[in-house]
Amino acid sequence: MRSIWDCLGVIGLAAALATPAGAQLLTQKSLSAGMAMTIAETALETCTKQGYRVSVHVLGRDAEVLVAVRGDNAPPHTMENSQRKAYTARTFRIPSGEFAQRVKDIPPLELYTSRELSRRKVRCRSRSGTR
């Protein structure tokens, strides 16, 4: 009889100390598909009205492409440039204009894309023996 009460006591204690499952989950904000489309359409309309022929990329929180649009009469290279510009702004977490200013201030940065910068950092670390 004593072992049943001990067992129930242990189960009760474990239940009391257990944290709710919600406390273990992260809450993150992400763009909805509708909002990403609105952002892309607004950017494309704004640039078109200003006379620019552009492509637009909207990226999600993990730098994945949510929307990619090539504007009317936009040259083919604008798709890749748009994606790279959006990727750089997202991964550096700064507006693309601020990144452009950094490139002006530190000229060697203009020689590398963000992916090449990442690879270069890894190679330099592995050569020096530090990680």
C-alpha atoms as a PDB file:
ATOM      1  CA  MET A   1       0.000   0.000   0.000  1.00  0.00           C
ATOM      2  CA  ARG A   2       2.838   2.333   0.797  1.00  0.00           C
ATOM      3  CA  SER A   3       4.410   1.885  -2.663  1.00  0.00           C
ATOM      4  CA  ILE A   4       1.213   3.015  -4.429  1.00  0.00           C
ATOM      5  CA  TRP A   5       1.160   6.265  -2.431  1.00  0.00           C
ATOM      6  CA  ASP A   6       4.856   6.791  -3.092  1.00  0.00           C
ATOM      7  CA  CYS A   7       4.305   6.243  -6.799  1.00  0.00           C
ATOM      8  CA  LEU A   8       1.350   8.666  -6.872  1.00  0.00           C
ATOM      9  CA  GLY A   9       3.398  11.215  -4.951  1.00  0.00           C
ATOM     10  CA  VAL A  10       6.261  11.006  -7.441  1.00  0.00           C
ATOM     11  CA  ILE A  11       3.843  11.349 -10.370  1.00  0.00           C
ATOM     12  CA  GLY A  12       2.163  14.344  -8.705  1.00  0.00           C
ATOM     13  CA  LEU A  13       5.512  15.998  -8.029  1.00  0.00           C
ATOM     14  CA  ALA A  14       6.652  15.436 -11.611  1.00  0.00           C
ATOM     15  CA  ALA A  15       3.403  16.887 -12.949  1.00  0.00           C
ATOM     16  CA  ALA A  16       3.724  19.957 -10.719  1.00  0.00           C
ATOM     17  CA  LEU A  17       7.317  20.610 -11.765  1.00  0.00           C
ATOM     18  CA  ALA A  18       6.781  19.997 -15.477  1.00  0.00           C
ATOM     19  CA  THR A  19       6.735  23.202 -17.535  1.00  0.00           C
ATOM     20  CA  PRO A  20       3.953  23.759 -20.011  1.00  0.00           C
ATOM     21  CA  ALA A  21       4.801  22.820 -23.591  1.00  0.00           C
ATOM     22  CA  GLY A  22       4.130  26.394 -24.717  1.00  0.00           C
ATOM     23  CA  ALA A  23       7.051  27.649 -22.630  1.00  0.00           C
ATOM     24  CA  GLN A  24       9.435  25.600 -24.749  1.00  0.00           C
ATOM     25  CA  LEU A  25       8.275  27.020 -28.104  1.00  0.00           C
ATOM     26  CA  LEU A  26       9.663  30.105 -29.777  1.00  0.00           C
ATOM     27  CA  THR A  27       7.350  32.739 -31.147  1.00  0.00           C
ATOM     28  CA  GLN A  28       8.549  34.201 -34.428  1.00  0.00           C
ATOM     29  CA  LYS A  29       7.041  36.721 -36.784  1.00  0.00           C
ATOM     30  CA  SER A  30       7.086  35.832 -40.453  1.00  0.00           C
ATOM     31  CA  LEU A  31       5.752  37.525 -43.563  1.00  0.00           C
ATOM     32  CA  SER A  32       2.553  36.092 -44.922  1.00  0.00           C
ATOM     33  CA  ALA A  33       2.335  35.340 -48.639  1.00  0.00           C
ATOM     34  CA  GLY A  34      -0.160  38.174 -49.074  1.00  0.00           C
ATOM     35  CA  MET A  35       2.099  40.692 -47.333  1.00  0.00           C
ATOM     36  CA  ALA A  36       5.130  39.563 -49.343  1.00  0.00           C
ATOM     37  CA  MET A  37       3.129  40.017 -52.578  1.00  0.00           C
ATOM     38  CA  THR A  38       2.038  43.502 -51.474  1.00  0.00           C
ATOM     39  CA  ILE A  39       5.625  44.506 -50.710  1.00  0.00           C
ATOM     40  CA  ALA A  40       6.822  43.218 -54.094  1.00  0.00           C
ATOM     41  CA  GLU A  41       3.991  44.907 -56.014  1.00  0.00           C
ATOM     42  CA  THR A  42       4.532  48.228 -54.230  1.00  0.00           C
ATOM     43  CA  ALA A  43       8.289  48.161 -54.845  1.00  0.00           C
ATOM     44  CA  LEU A  44       7.800  47.262 -58.517  1.00  0.00           C
ATOM     45  CA  GLU A  45       5.167  49.983 -59.060  1.00  0.00           C
ATOM     46  CA  THR A  46       7.291  52.619 -57.310  1.00  0.00           C
ATOM     47  CA  CYS A  47      10.398  51.833 -59.359  1.00  0.00           C
ATOM     48  CA  THR A  48       8.434  51.618 -62.613  1.00  0.00           C
ATOM     49  CA  LYS A  49       6.880  55.058 -61.989  1.00  0.00           C
ATOM     50  CA  GLN A  50      10.370  56.445 -61.445  1.00  0.00           C
ATOM     51  CA  GLY A  51      11.459  55.048 -64.811  1.00  0.00           C
ATOM     52  CA  TYR A  52      13.472  52.075 -63.604  1.00  0.00           C
ATOM     53  CA  ARG A  53      13.142  48.612 -65.146  1.00  0.00           C
ATOM     54  CA  VAL A  54      13.763  46.312 -62.199  1.00  0.00           C
ATOM     55  CA  SER A  55      13.199  42.926 -60.671  1.00  0.00           C
ATOM     56  CA  VAL A  56      12.066  42.536 -57.069  1.00  0.00           C
ATOM     57  CA  HIS A  57      12.767  39.873 -54.473  1.00  0.00           C
ATOM     58  CA  VAL A  58      11.137  39.605 -51.056  1.00  0.00           C
ATOM     59  CA  LEU A  59      12.906  37.292 -48.627  1.00  0.00           C
ATOM     60  CA  GLY A  60      11.683  35.586 -45.487  1.00  0.00           C
ATOM     61  CA  ARG A  61      13.284  35.481 -42.077  1.00  0.00           C
ATOM     62  CA  ASP A  62      15.775  32.779 -43.107  1.00  0.00           C
ATOM     63  CA  ALA A  63      16.657  34.591 -46.358  1.00  0.00           C
ATOM     64  CA  GLU A  64      14.497  32.229 -48.412  1.00  0.00           C
ATOM     65  CA  VAL A  65      12.817  33.729 -51.476  1.00  0.00           C
ATOM     66  CA  LEU A  66       9.118  34.376 -50.832  1.00  0.00           C
ATOM     67  CA  VAL A  67       8.406  36.422 -53.968  1.00  0.00           C
ATOM     68  CA  ALA A  68      10.467  37.031 -57.108  1.00  0.00           C
ATOM     69  CA  VAL A  69       9.129  39.270 -59.878  1.00  0.00           C
ATOM     70  CA  ARG A  70      10.844  40.437 -63.028  1.00  0.00           C
ATOM     71  CA  GLY A  71       9.347  43.723 -64.168  1.00  0.00           C
ATOM     72  CA  ASP A  72       8.243  44.408 -67.733  1.00  0.00           C
ATOM     73  CA  ASN A  73      11.232  45.044 -70.016  1.00  0.00           C
ATOM     74  CA  ALA A  74      13.669  44.501 -67.143  1.00  0.00           C
ATOM     75  CA  PRO A  75      17.025  43.160 -68.321  1.00  0.00           C
ATOM     76  CA  PRO A  76      17.729  39.517 -67.415  1.00  0.00           C
ATOM     77  CA  HIS A  77      20.572  40.318 -65.020  1.00  0.00           C
ATOM     78  CA  THR A  78      18.221  42.242 -62.727  1.00  0.00           C
ATOM     79  CA  MET A  79      16.771  38.988 -61.344  1.00  0.00           C
ATOM     80  CA  GLU A  80      20.113  37.825 -59.970  1.00  0.00           C
ATOM     81  CA  ASN A  81      21.109  41.302 -58.825  1.00  0.00           C
ATOM     82  CA  SER A  82      17.809  41.780 -57.028  1.00  0.00           C
ATOM     83  CA  GLN A  83      18.137  38.459 -55.224  1.00  0.00           C
ATOM     84  CA  ARG A  84      21.728  39.171 -54.190  1.00  0.00           C
ATOM     85  CA  LYS A  85      20.861  42.663 -52.982  1.00  0.00           C
ATOM     86  CA  ALA A  86      17.933  41.349 -50.924  1.00  0.00           C
ATOM     87  CA  TYR A  87      20.051  38.479 -49.559  1.00  0.00           C
ATOM     88  CA  THR A  88      22.831  40.851 -48.526  1.00  0.00           C
ATOM     89  CA  ALA A  89      20.418  43.244 -46.827  1.00  0.00           C
ATOM     90  CA  ARG A  90      18.708  40.376 -44.991  1.00  0.00           C
ATOM     91  CA  THR A  91      21.825  38.543 -43.837  1.00  0.00           C
ATOM     92  CA  PHE A  92      23.661  41.700 -42.749  1.00  0.00           C
ATOM     93  CA  ARG A  93      20.396  42.986 -41.226  1.00  0.00           C
ATOM     94  CA  ILE A  94      20.887  46.455 -42.628  1.00  0.00           C
ATOM     95  CA  PRO A  95      19.250  48.349 -45.493  1.00  0.00           C
ATOM     96  CA  SER A  96      20.994  47.897 -48.821  1.00  0.00           C
ATOM     97  CA  GLY A  97      21.800  51.630 -48.927  1.00  0.00           C
ATOM     98  CA  GLU A  98      23.739  51.342 -45.686  1.00  0.00           C
ATOM     99  CA  PHE A  99      25.657  48.350 -47.045  1.00  0.00           C
ATOM    100  CA  ALA A 100      26.520  50.409 -50.153  1.00  0.00           C
ATOM    101  CA  GLN A 101      27.906  53.128 -47.873  1.00  0.00           C
ATOM    102  CA  ARG A 102      30.036  50.553 -46.049  1.00  0.00           C
ATOM    103  CA  VAL A 103      31.423  49.382 -49.387  1.00  0.00           C
ATOM    104  CA  LYS A 104      32.409  52.973 -50.184  1.00  0.00           C
ATOM    105  CA  ASP A 105      34.072  53.320 -46.783  1.00  0.00           C
ATOM    106  CA  ILE A 106      35.881  49.943 -47.024  1.00  0.00           C
ATOM    107  CA  PRO A 107      36.768  49.504 -50.733  1.00  0.00           C
ATOM    108  CA  PRO A 108      37.940  45.851 -50.548  1.00  0.00           C
ATOM    109  CA  LEU A 109      34.350  44.842 -49.705  1.00  0.00           C
ATOM    110  CA  GLU A 110      33.228  45.685 -53.221  1.00  0.00           C
ATOM    111  CA  LEU A 111      35.309  42.805 -54.565  1.00  0.00           C
ATOM    112  CA  TYR A 112      33.256  40.150 -52.796  1.00  0.00           C
ATOM    113  CA  THR A 113      29.642  39.129 -52.655  1.00  0.00           C
ATOM    114  CA  SER A 114      28.215  38.265 -49.237  1.00  0.00           C
ATOM    115  CA  ARG A 115      28.597  34.530 -49.924  1.00  0.00           C
ATOM    116  CA  GLU A 116      32.211  35.000 -50.954  1.00  0.00           C
ATOM    117  CA  LEU A 117      32.817  37.044 -47.784  1.00  0.00           C
ATOM    118  CA  SER A 118      31.495  34.153 -45.692  1.00  0.00           C
ATOM    119  CA  ARG A 119      33.707  31.624 -47.479  1.00  0.00           C
ATOM    120  CA  ARG A 120      36.721  33.905 -47.172  1.00  0.00           C
ATOM    121  CA  LYS A 121      36.197  34.255 -43.399  1.00  0.00           C
ATOM    122  CA  VAL A 122      36.011  30.470 -43.018  1.00  0.00           C
ATOM    123  CA  ARG A 123      39.224  29.975 -45.021  1.00  0.00           C
ATOM    124  CA  CYS A 124      41.070  32.627 -43.011  1.00  0.00           C
ATOM    125  CA  ARG A 125      39.979  31.079 -39.732  1.00  0.00           C
ATOM    126  CA  SER A 126      40.989  27.586 -40.786  1.00  0.00           C
ATOM    127  CA  ARG A 127      44.417  28.799 -41.933  1.00  0.00           C
ATOM    128  CA  SER A 128      45.118  30.557 -38.662  1.00  0.00           C
ATOM    129  CA  GLY A 129      44.075  27.535 -36.667  1.00  0.00           C
ATOM    130  CA  THR A 130      41.380  29.365 -34.714  1.00  0.00           C
ATOM    131  CA  ARG A 131      37.676  28.778 -35.074  1.00  0.00           C
END
